[in-house]
Amino acid sequence: MHEVKYDDGKDVQLLSRSGLDWTWRFPWIAETALKIRHSQFVIDGEICVLDVQGISDFNALHSNKYNDEAQLYAFDLFAFGREDLRDQPLLDRKAQLDKLPRGRAQGIFVAPFERGEIGPDLFTAACRMRLEGIVSKHRQRRAKTCDWIKVKNRQHPAYGRVAD
């Protein structure tokens, strides 16, 4: 998981959850973030390399061979302008995130989400597509609460990973 972080509105950093700076590895994502018209924002997302079928390939990402194909999938917005959004409901943060540019060709893609009682069906579809799984969140919760539910596909190669 990675997030774009702005310092004083002039710089972009792509930081891993553990605090590693990966900006050097994905400079086009940082350049795209600099082009976004809003001077300051902090997004939460995941950098992915997709295979020919559009499925995220963890091994390709970590091999360093496909760095130029990586995209940032943004799924939450923690700050916008000078406003800290982490205490706002997820649905409100998603609405703000939707104002940022879309399109994988640009390097940053706003990840879609599904509402409603479709979790089991969505998970079944994710498994059929050989995806890692799904994350379920309550739309009224604040950022990074403990009640998010990650359901992993046991058949996916990432199933045994401890940290992701």
N, C-alpha and C. Protein backbone atom coordinates (compact mmCIF):
# COMPACT_ATOMS: atom_id res chain seq x y z
N MET A 1 0.85 -1.17 0.00
CA MET A 1 0.00 0.00 0.00
C MET A 1 0.90 1.23 0.00
N HIS A 2 0.54 2.20 -0.78
CA HIS A 2 1.35 3.41 -0.90
C HIS A 2 0.45 4.62 -0.93
N GLU A 3 0.98 5.73 -0.56
CA GLU A 3 0.20 6.96 -0.61
C GLU A 3 1.06 8.09 -1.14
N VAL A 4 0.43 9.01 -1.83
CA VAL A 4 1.11 10.21 -2.31
C VAL A 4 1.02 11.24 -1.20
N LYS A 5 2.16 11.82 -0.85
CA LYS A 5 2.20 12.79 0.24
C LYS A 5 2.83 14.07 -0.29
N TYR A 6 2.19 15.18 -0.03
CA TYR A 6 2.72 16.48 -0.43
C TYR A 6 3.37 17.16 0.77
N ASP A 7 4.55 17.74 0.55
CA ASP A 7 5.20 18.57 1.56
C ASP A 7 5.22 19.99 1.03
N ASP A 8 4.51 20.88 1.69
CA ASP A 8 4.47 22.29 1.32
C ASP A 8 3.97 22.53 -0.10
N GLY A 9 3.26 21.58 -0.68
CA GLY A 9 2.68 21.77 -1.99
C GLY A 9 3.68 21.76 -3.14
N LYS A 10 4.95 21.47 -2.90
CA LYS A 10 5.96 21.53 -3.94
C LYS A 10 6.50 20.16 -4.33
N ASP A 11 6.44 19.21 -3.45
CA ASP A 11 7.05 17.92 -3.67
C ASP A 11 6.02 16.80 -3.56
N VAL A 12 6.34 15.70 -4.20
CA VAL A 12 5.53 14.50 -4.09
C VAL A 12 6.41 13.40 -3.54
N GLN A 13 5.86 12.63 -2.63
CA GLN A 13 6.55 11.44 -2.14
C GLN A 13 5.59 10.27 -2.24
N LEU A 14 6.10 9.15 -2.72
CA LEU A 14 5.36 7.90 -2.73
C LEU A 14 5.92 7.06 -1.59
N LEU A 15 5.17 6.95 -0.52
CA LEU A 15 5.66 6.28 0.68
C LEU A 15 4.94 4.95 0.88
N SER A 16 5.71 3.93 1.23
CA SER A 16 5.11 2.64 1.56
C SER A 16 4.54 2.72 2.96
N ARG A 17 3.76 1.72 3.31
CA ARG A 17 3.18 1.68 4.65
C ARG A 17 4.26 1.70 5.72
N SER A 18 5.42 1.12 5.40
CA SER A 18 6.51 1.09 6.38
C SER A 18 7.38 2.34 6.32
N GLY A 19 7.03 3.31 5.45
CA GLY A 19 7.75 4.57 5.41
C GLY A 19 8.85 4.64 4.37
N LEU A 20 9.02 3.61 3.55
CA LEU A 20 10.04 3.65 2.51
C LEU A 20 9.61 4.60 1.39
N ASP A 21 10.54 5.40 0.90
CA ASP A 21 10.25 6.34 -0.18
C ASP A 21 10.50 5.65 -1.52
N TRP A 22 9.44 5.44 -2.29
CA TRP A 22 9.53 4.77 -3.58
C TRP A 22 9.37 5.76 -4.74
N THR A 23 9.48 7.03 -4.49
CA THR A 23 9.30 8.04 -5.54
C THR A 23 10.28 7.82 -6.69
N TRP A 24 11.51 7.49 -6.38
CA TRP A 24 12.54 7.28 -7.40
C TRP A 24 12.17 6.14 -8.35
N ARG A 25 11.42 5.18 -7.86
CA ARG A 25 11.09 3.99 -8.64
C ARG A 25 9.92 4.24 -9.60
N PHE A 26 9.03 5.17 -9.23
CA PHE A 26 7.84 5.44 -10.03
C PHE A 26 7.70 6.94 -10.29
N PRO A 27 8.67 7.56 -10.98
CA PRO A 27 8.66 9.02 -11.14
C PRO A 27 7.46 9.54 -11.93
N TRP A 28 6.93 8.77 -12.87
CA TRP A 28 5.79 9.25 -13.67
C TRP A 28 4.53 9.38 -12.82
N ILE A 29 4.40 8.56 -11.78
CA ILE A 29 3.25 8.70 -10.88
C ILE A 29 3.39 10.01 -10.10
N ALA A 30 4.61 10.30 -9.64
CA ALA A 30 4.85 11.55 -8.92
C ALA A 30 4.60 12.75 -9.85
N GLU A 31 5.04 12.65 -11.11
CA GLU A 31 4.82 13.75 -12.06
C GLU A 31 3.33 13.99 -12.29
N THR A 32 2.57 12.92 -12.39
CA THR A 32 1.12 13.05 -12.56
C THR A 32 0.51 13.73 -11.35
N ALA A 33 0.95 13.34 -10.16
CA ALA A 33 0.43 13.96 -8.93
C ALA A 33 0.72 15.45 -8.90
N LEU A 34 1.89 15.85 -9.39
CA LEU A 34 2.23 17.28 -9.43
C LEU A 34 1.32 18.06 -10.38
N LYS A 35 0.77 17.39 -11.38
CA LYS A 35 -0.09 18.06 -12.36
C LYS A 35 -1.53 18.22 -11.87
N ILE A 36 -1.87 17.57 -10.79
CA ILE A 36 -3.22 17.69 -10.26
C ILE A 36 -3.39 19.12 -9.75
N ARG A 37 -4.48 19.73 -10.10
CA ARG A 37 -4.67 21.16 -9.84
C ARG A 37 -4.77 21.52 -8.36
N HIS A 38 -5.07 20.58 -7.53
CA HIS A 38 -5.17 20.88 -6.10
C HIS A 38 -3.77 20.86 -5.51
N SER A 39 -3.42 21.90 -4.79
CA SER A 39 -2.04 22.06 -4.36
C SER A 39 -1.59 21.03 -3.34
N GLN A 40 -2.48 20.59 -2.48
CA GLN A 40 -2.07 19.63 -1.45
C GLN A 40 -3.13 18.56 -1.28
N PHE A 41 -2.68 17.32 -1.18
CA PHE A 41 -3.58 16.22 -0.88
C PHE A 41 -2.76 15.02 -0.44
N VAL A 42 -3.39 14.15 0.29
CA VAL A 42 -2.78 12.88 0.70
C VAL A 42 -3.76 11.79 0.33
N ILE A 43 -3.32 10.89 -0.55
CA ILE A 43 -4.18 9.78 -0.93
C ILE A 43 -3.61 8.47 -0.41
N ASP A 44 -4.49 7.52 -0.22
CA ASP A 44 -4.11 6.17 0.17
C ASP A 44 -4.42 5.28 -1.02
N GLY A 45 -3.48 4.45 -1.38
CA GLY A 45 -3.70 3.60 -2.53
C GLY A 45 -2.69 2.49 -2.58
N GLU A 46 -2.67 1.83 -3.72
CA GLU A 46 -1.78 0.70 -3.90
C GLU A 46 -1.18 0.78 -5.30
N ILE A 47 0.14 0.64 -5.37
CA ILE A 47 0.81 0.60 -6.66
C ILE A 47 0.75 -0.83 -7.16
N CYS A 48 0.30 -0.98 -8.41
CA CYS A 48 0.11 -2.31 -9.00
C CYS A 48 0.71 -2.36 -10.39
N VAL A 49 1.13 -3.55 -10.78
CA VAL A 49 1.45 -3.87 -12.16
C VAL A 49 0.41 -4.88 -12.60
N LEU A 50 -0.28 -4.59 -13.70
CA LEU A 50 -1.32 -5.48 -14.19
C LEU A 50 -0.77 -6.40 -15.26
N ASP A 51 -1.25 -7.66 -15.25
CA ASP A 51 -0.86 -8.58 -16.32
C ASP A 51 -1.71 -8.32 -17.56
N VAL A 52 -1.56 -9.14 -18.59
CA VAL A 52 -2.28 -8.90 -19.85
C VAL A 52 -3.79 -9.01 -19.69
N GLN A 53 -4.25 -9.68 -18.64
CA GLN A 53 -5.69 -9.81 -18.39
C GLN A 53 -6.22 -8.74 -17.45
N GLY A 54 -5.35 -7.81 -17.05
CA GLY A 54 -5.78 -6.73 -16.16
C GLY A 54 -5.81 -7.12 -14.70
N ILE A 55 -5.11 -8.21 -14.34
CA ILE A 55 -5.06 -8.70 -12.97
C ILE A 55 -3.76 -8.21 -12.34
N SER A 56 -3.84 -7.72 -11.11
CA SER A 56 -2.65 -7.25 -10.40
C SER A 56 -1.66 -8.40 -10.21
N ASP A 57 -0.40 -8.14 -10.56
CA ASP A 57 0.66 -9.16 -10.48
C ASP A 57 1.70 -8.71 -9.45
N PHE A 58 1.57 -9.24 -8.24
CA PHE A 58 2.45 -8.88 -7.13
C PHE A 58 3.91 -9.17 -7.46
N ASN A 59 4.18 -10.33 -8.06
CA ASN A 59 5.56 -10.70 -8.37
C ASN A 59 6.17 -9.77 -9.42
N ALA A 60 5.38 -9.35 -10.40
CA ALA A 60 5.89 -8.42 -11.41
C ALA A 60 6.25 -7.08 -10.77
N LEU A 61 5.42 -6.62 -9.84
CA LEU A 61 5.70 -5.37 -9.15
C LEU A 61 7.03 -5.45 -8.40
N HIS A 62 7.23 -6.52 -7.69
CA HIS A 62 8.42 -6.64 -6.84
C HIS A 62 9.66 -7.14 -7.58
N SER A 63 9.52 -7.48 -8.85
CA SER A 63 10.68 -7.93 -9.62
C SER A 63 11.52 -6.75 -10.12
N ASN A 64 10.97 -5.55 -10.11
CA ASN A 64 11.60 -4.34 -10.65
C ASN A 64 11.73 -4.35 -12.17
N LYS A 65 11.25 -5.38 -12.84
CA LYS A 65 11.36 -5.46 -14.30
C LYS A 65 10.26 -4.67 -15.00
N TYR A 66 9.18 -4.39 -14.30
CA TYR A 66 8.02 -3.77 -14.93
C TYR A 66 7.66 -2.43 -14.28
N ASN A 67 8.65 -1.76 -13.71
CA ASN A 67 8.39 -0.49 -13.02
C ASN A 67 7.66 0.51 -13.90
N ASP A 68 7.99 0.52 -15.20
CA ASP A 68 7.38 1.50 -16.09
C ASP A 68 5.91 1.19 -16.40
N GLU A 69 5.41 0.05 -15.96
CA GLU A 69 4.01 -0.32 -16.16
C GLU A 69 3.16 -0.12 -14.90
N ALA A 70 3.78 0.29 -13.83
CA ALA A 70 3.06 0.42 -12.55
C ALA A 70 2.09 1.59 -12.57
N GLN A 71 0.98 1.41 -11.88
CA GLN A 71 -0.06 2.43 -11.75
C GLN A 71 -0.41 2.56 -10.27
N LEU A 72 -0.79 3.74 -9.85
CA LEU A 72 -1.27 3.94 -8.49
C LEU A 72 -2.79 3.88 -8.50
N TYR A 73 -3.35 2.91 -7.79
CA TYR A 73 -4.79 2.80 -7.63
C TYR A 73 -5.16 3.48 -6.32
N ALA A 74 -5.77 4.65 -6.41
CA ALA A 74 -6.14 5.44 -5.24
C ALA A 74 -7.50 4.98 -4.73
N PHE A 75 -7.59 4.69 -3.43
CA PHE A 75 -8.88 4.26 -2.89
C PHE A 75 -9.34 5.05 -1.69
N ASP A 76 -8.56 6.02 -1.22
CA ASP A 76 -9.02 6.87 -0.12
C ASP A 76 -8.28 8.19 -0.18
N LEU A 77 -8.89 9.20 0.38
CA LEU A 77 -8.32 10.55 0.41
C LEU A 77 -8.28 11.00 1.86
N PHE A 78 -7.08 11.20 2.39
CA PHE A 78 -6.91 11.56 3.80
C PHE A 78 -6.86 13.06 4.03
N ALA A 79 -6.39 13.81 3.03
CA ALA A 79 -6.32 15.27 3.15
C ALA A 79 -6.53 15.87 1.78
N PHE A 80 -7.19 17.03 1.76
CA PHE A 80 -7.48 17.71 0.50
C PHE A 80 -7.36 19.20 0.77
N GLY A 81 -6.46 19.86 0.03
CA GLY A 81 -6.15 21.24 0.38
C GLY A 81 -5.48 21.22 1.74
N ARG A 82 -5.93 22.03 2.63
CA ARG A 82 -5.38 22.02 3.99
C ARG A 82 -6.31 21.32 4.97
N GLU A 83 -7.32 20.64 4.46
CA GLU A 83 -8.32 20.00 5.31
C GLU A 83 -7.99 18.51 5.54
N ASP A 84 -7.93 18.11 6.80
CA ASP A 84 -7.75 16.71 7.18
C ASP A 84 -9.11 16.02 7.08
N LEU A 85 -9.21 15.03 6.22
CA LEU A 85 -10.48 14.35 5.97
C LEU A 85 -10.62 13.04 6.72
N ARG A 86 -9.63 12.64 7.48
CA ARG A 86 -9.64 11.30 8.08
C ARG A 86 -10.80 11.05 9.02
N ASP A 87 -11.38 12.08 9.61
CA ASP A 87 -12.53 11.88 10.50
C ASP A 87 -13.86 11.92 9.76
N GLN A 88 -13.83 12.22 8.48
CA GLN A 88 -15.07 12.24 7.69
C GLN A 88 -15.45 10.82 7.27
N PRO A 89 -16.72 10.59 7.01
CA PRO A 89 -17.15 9.26 6.56
C PRO A 89 -16.47 8.87 5.24
N LEU A 90 -16.24 7.60 5.07
CA LEU A 90 -15.58 7.08 3.88
C LEU A 90 -16.28 7.54 2.60
N LEU A 91 -17.58 7.49 2.58
CA LEU A 91 -18.32 7.88 1.37
C LEU A 91 -18.04 9.33 0.98
N ASP A 92 -17.90 10.21 1.97
CA ASP A 92 -17.56 11.61 1.69
C ASP A 92 -16.14 11.73 1.15
N ARG A 93 -15.21 10.95 1.72
CA ARG A 93 -13.82 10.98 1.24
C ARG A 93 -13.74 10.46 -0.19
N LYS A 94 -14.52 9.42 -0.49
CA LYS A 94 -14.54 8.87 -1.85
C LYS A 94 -15.07 9.91 -2.84
N ALA A 95 -16.06 10.68 -2.44
CA ALA A 95 -16.61 11.72 -3.32
C ALA A 95 -15.54 12.77 -3.63
N GLN A 96 -14.76 13.14 -2.63
CA GLN A 96 -13.66 14.10 -2.85
C GLN A 96 -12.58 13.47 -3.73
N LEU A 97 -12.25 12.21 -3.48
CA LEU A 97 -11.23 11.51 -4.27
C LEU A 97 -11.62 11.47 -5.74
N ASP A 98 -12.90 11.34 -5.98
CA ASP A 98 -13.39 11.24 -7.35
C ASP A 98 -13.11 12.51 -8.16
N LYS A 99 -12.78 13.60 -7.48
CA LYS A 99 -12.47 14.86 -8.17
C LYS A 99 -11.05 14.85 -8.75
N LEU A 100 -10.22 13.92 -8.30
CA LEU A 100 -8.86 13.83 -8.82
C LEU A 100 -8.91 13.16 -10.20
N PRO A 101 -7.87 13.34 -11.00
CA PRO A 101 -7.91 12.79 -12.37
C PRO A 101 -7.95 11.27 -12.38
N ARG A 102 -8.57 10.74 -13.42
CA ARG A 102 -8.66 9.29 -13.59
C ARG A 102 -7.93 8.89 -14.87
N GLY A 103 -7.71 7.62 -14.99
CA GLY A 103 -7.12 7.09 -16.21
C GLY A 103 -5.75 6.52 -15.96
N ARG A 104 -5.59 5.24 -16.19
CA ARG A 104 -4.31 4.59 -15.95
C ARG A 104 -3.20 5.15 -16.82
N ALA A 105 -3.55 5.71 -17.97
CA ALA A 105 -2.52 6.28 -18.83
C ALA A 105 -1.79 7.42 -18.12
N GLN A 106 -2.44 8.04 -17.18
CA GLN A 106 -1.84 9.14 -16.42
C GLN A 106 -1.00 8.64 -15.24
N GLY A 107 -1.12 7.37 -14.87
CA GLY A 107 -0.36 6.84 -13.75
C GLY A 107 -1.13 6.77 -12.45
N ILE A 108 -2.24 7.49 -12.34
CA ILE A 108 -3.06 7.46 -11.13
C ILE A 108 -4.49 7.13 -11.55
N PHE A 109 -5.05 6.13 -10.94
CA PHE A 109 -6.39 5.65 -11.27
C PHE A 109 -7.21 5.61 -9.99
N VAL A 110 -8.37 6.22 -10.00
CA VAL A 110 -9.25 6.16 -8.83
C VAL A 110 -9.98 4.82 -8.87
N ALA A 111 -9.69 3.98 -7.89
CA ALA A 111 -10.24 2.62 -7.86
C ALA A 111 -11.75 2.65 -7.65
N PRO A 112 -12.48 1.89 -8.45
CA PRO A 112 -13.93 1.84 -8.28
C PRO A 112 -14.30 1.05 -7.03
N PHE A 113 -15.52 1.25 -6.57
CA PHE A 113 -16.00 0.48 -5.42
C PHE A 113 -17.47 0.18 -5.63
N GLU A 114 -17.95 -0.82 -4.93
CA GLU A 114 -19.35 -1.24 -5.02
C GLU A 114 -20.03 -1.00 -3.69
N ARG A 115 -21.26 -0.51 -3.73
CA ARG A 115 -22.04 -0.28 -2.52
C ARG A 115 -23.05 -1.40 -2.33
N GLY A 116 -23.53 -1.52 -1.12
CA GLY A 116 -24.65 -2.42 -0.87
C GLY A 116 -24.24 -3.78 -0.37
N GLU A 117 -25.20 -4.66 -0.35
CA GLU A 117 -25.05 -6.00 0.23
C GLU A 117 -24.55 -7.00 -0.80
N ILE A 118 -23.49 -6.68 -1.50
CA ILE A 118 -23.01 -7.56 -2.55
C ILE A 118 -21.69 -8.24 -2.20
N GLY A 119 -21.24 -8.10 -0.96
CA GLY A 119 -19.94 -8.64 -0.56
C GLY A 119 -19.69 -10.07 -0.98
N PRO A 120 -20.57 -11.02 -0.62
CA PRO A 120 -20.32 -12.42 -1.00
C PRO A 120 -20.24 -12.62 -2.52
N ASP A 121 -21.12 -11.96 -3.26
CA ASP A 121 -21.08 -12.10 -4.72
C ASP A 121 -19.82 -11.47 -5.31
N LEU A 122 -19.42 -10.33 -4.76
CA LEU A 122 -18.21 -9.67 -5.24
C LEU A 122 -16.98 -10.53 -4.95
N PHE A 123 -16.93 -11.14 -3.76
CA PHE A 123 -15.81 -12.01 -3.42
C PHE A 123 -15.76 -13.22 -4.35
N THR A 124 -16.91 -13.83 -4.63
CA THR A 124 -16.96 -14.97 -5.55
C THR A 124 -16.44 -14.57 -6.92
N ALA A 125 -16.86 -13.40 -7.40
CA ALA A 125 -16.39 -12.91 -8.70
C ALA A 125 -14.89 -12.64 -8.66
N ALA A 126 -14.39 -12.08 -7.57
CA ALA A 126 -12.96 -11.80 -7.43
C ALA A 126 -12.16 -13.10 -7.49
N CYS A 127 -12.64 -14.13 -6.83
CA CYS A 127 -11.96 -15.43 -6.86
C CYS A 127 -11.97 -16.02 -8.27
N ARG A 128 -13.10 -15.92 -8.95
CA ARG A 128 -13.19 -16.42 -10.32
C ARG A 128 -12.20 -15.71 -11.24
N MET A 129 -11.96 -14.45 -10.95
CA MET A 129 -11.03 -13.65 -11.76
C MET A 129 -9.59 -13.81 -11.31
N ARG A 130 -9.36 -14.68 -10.32
CA ARG A 130 -8.03 -14.94 -9.75
C ARG A 130 -7.44 -13.70 -9.07
N LEU A 131 -8.31 -12.87 -8.48
CA LEU A 131 -7.85 -11.70 -7.74
C LEU A 131 -7.49 -12.12 -6.32
N GLU A 132 -6.75 -11.24 -5.63
CA GLU A 132 -6.31 -11.54 -4.27
C GLU A 132 -7.47 -11.58 -3.28
N GLY A 133 -8.49 -10.78 -3.50
CA GLY A 133 -9.63 -10.76 -2.58
C GLY A 133 -10.30 -9.41 -2.60
N ILE A 134 -11.03 -9.11 -1.54
CA ILE A 134 -11.73 -7.82 -1.43
C ILE A 134 -11.51 -7.26 -0.03
N VAL A 135 -11.76 -5.96 0.11
CA VAL A 135 -11.74 -5.30 1.40
C VAL A 135 -13.11 -4.66 1.58
N SER A 136 -13.75 -4.95 2.70
CA SER A 136 -15.07 -4.39 2.98
C SER A 136 -14.94 -3.34 4.07
N LYS A 137 -15.57 -2.19 3.83
CA LYS A 137 -15.48 -1.06 4.76
C LYS A 137 -16.88 -0.49 4.96
N HIS A 138 -17.13 0.01 6.14
CA HIS A 138 -18.41 0.67 6.41
C HIS A 138 -18.33 2.09 5.85
N ARG A 139 -19.32 2.48 5.05
CA ARG A 139 -19.25 3.77 4.35
C ARG A 139 -19.28 4.98 5.26
N GLN A 140 -19.70 4.82 6.52
CA GLN A 140 -19.75 5.96 7.44
C GLN A 140 -18.54 6.03 8.36
N ARG A 141 -17.61 5.08 8.26
CA ARG A 141 -16.46 5.05 9.17
C ARG A 141 -15.38 6.03 8.75
N ARG A 142 -14.58 6.41 9.74
CA ARG A 142 -13.44 7.29 9.50
C ARG A 142 -12.29 6.46 8.92
N ALA A 143 -11.23 7.12 8.53
CA ALA A 143 -10.10 6.46 7.89
C ALA A 143 -9.38 5.52 8.85
N LYS A 144 -8.94 4.40 8.31
CA LYS A 144 -8.08 3.44 9.01
C LYS A 144 -8.65 2.95 10.33
N THR A 145 -9.88 2.56 10.33
CA THR A 145 -10.46 1.97 11.53
C THR A 145 -10.18 0.48 11.54
N CYS A 146 -10.36 -0.14 12.69
CA CYS A 146 -10.07 -1.56 12.84
C CYS A 146 -11.19 -2.46 12.32
N ASP A 147 -12.29 -1.88 11.87
CA ASP A 147 -13.40 -2.72 11.45
C ASP A 147 -13.44 -2.98 9.94
N TRP A 148 -12.37 -2.67 9.23
CA TRP A 148 -12.30 -3.03 7.83
C TRP A 148 -12.06 -4.53 7.76
N ILE A 149 -12.68 -5.18 6.81
CA ILE A 149 -12.56 -6.63 6.69
C ILE A 149 -11.89 -6.97 5.36
N LYS A 150 -10.74 -7.62 5.44
CA LYS A 150 -10.03 -8.08 4.25
C LYS A 150 -10.32 -9.57 4.10
N VAL A 151 -10.91 -9.95 2.98
CA VAL A 151 -11.23 -11.35 2.71
C VAL A 151 -10.35 -11.79 1.55
N LYS A 152 -9.44 -12.74 1.82
CA LYS A 152 -8.47 -13.16 0.81
C LYS A 152 -8.89 -14.46 0.13
N ASN A 153 -8.56 -14.53 -1.13
CA ASN A 153 -8.75 -15.73 -1.94
C ASN A 153 -7.66 -16.73 -1.57
N ARG A 154 -8.05 -17.86 -1.02
CA ARG A 154 -7.07 -18.87 -0.59
C ARG A 154 -6.27 -19.46 -1.75
N GLN A 155 -6.77 -19.34 -2.96
CA GLN A 155 -6.09 -19.89 -4.13
C GLN A 155 -5.09 -18.90 -4.74
N HIS A 156 -5.08 -17.67 -4.25
CA HIS A 156 -4.19 -16.64 -4.81
C HIS A 156 -2.79 -16.80 -4.21
N PRO A 157 -1.73 -16.59 -5.01
CA PRO A 157 -0.37 -16.72 -4.50
C PRO A 157 -0.06 -15.83 -3.31
N ALA A 158 -0.76 -14.71 -3.17
CA ALA A 158 -0.50 -13.79 -2.06
C ALA A 158 -1.13 -14.25 -0.75
N TYR A 159 -1.90 -15.32 -0.78
CA TYR A 159 -2.63 -15.74 0.42
C TYR A 159 -1.70 -15.97 1.61
N GLY A 160 -0.54 -16.51 1.40
CA GLY A 160 0.37 -16.82 2.50
C GLY A 160 1.21 -15.67 2.99
N ARG A 161 1.17 -14.52 2.29
CA ARG A 161 1.97 -13.38 2.72
C ARG A 161 1.48 -12.86 4.05
N VAL A 162 2.42 -12.53 4.92
CA VAL A 162 2.06 -11.99 6.23
C VAL A 162 1.72 -10.52 6.13
N ALA A 163 2.58 -9.74 5.50
CA ALA A 163 2.36 -8.29 5.42
C ALA A 163 1.98 -7.90 4.01
N ASP A 164 0.91 -7.13 3.90
CA ASP A 164 0.56 -6.56 2.59
C ASP A 164 -0.15 -5.29 2.85
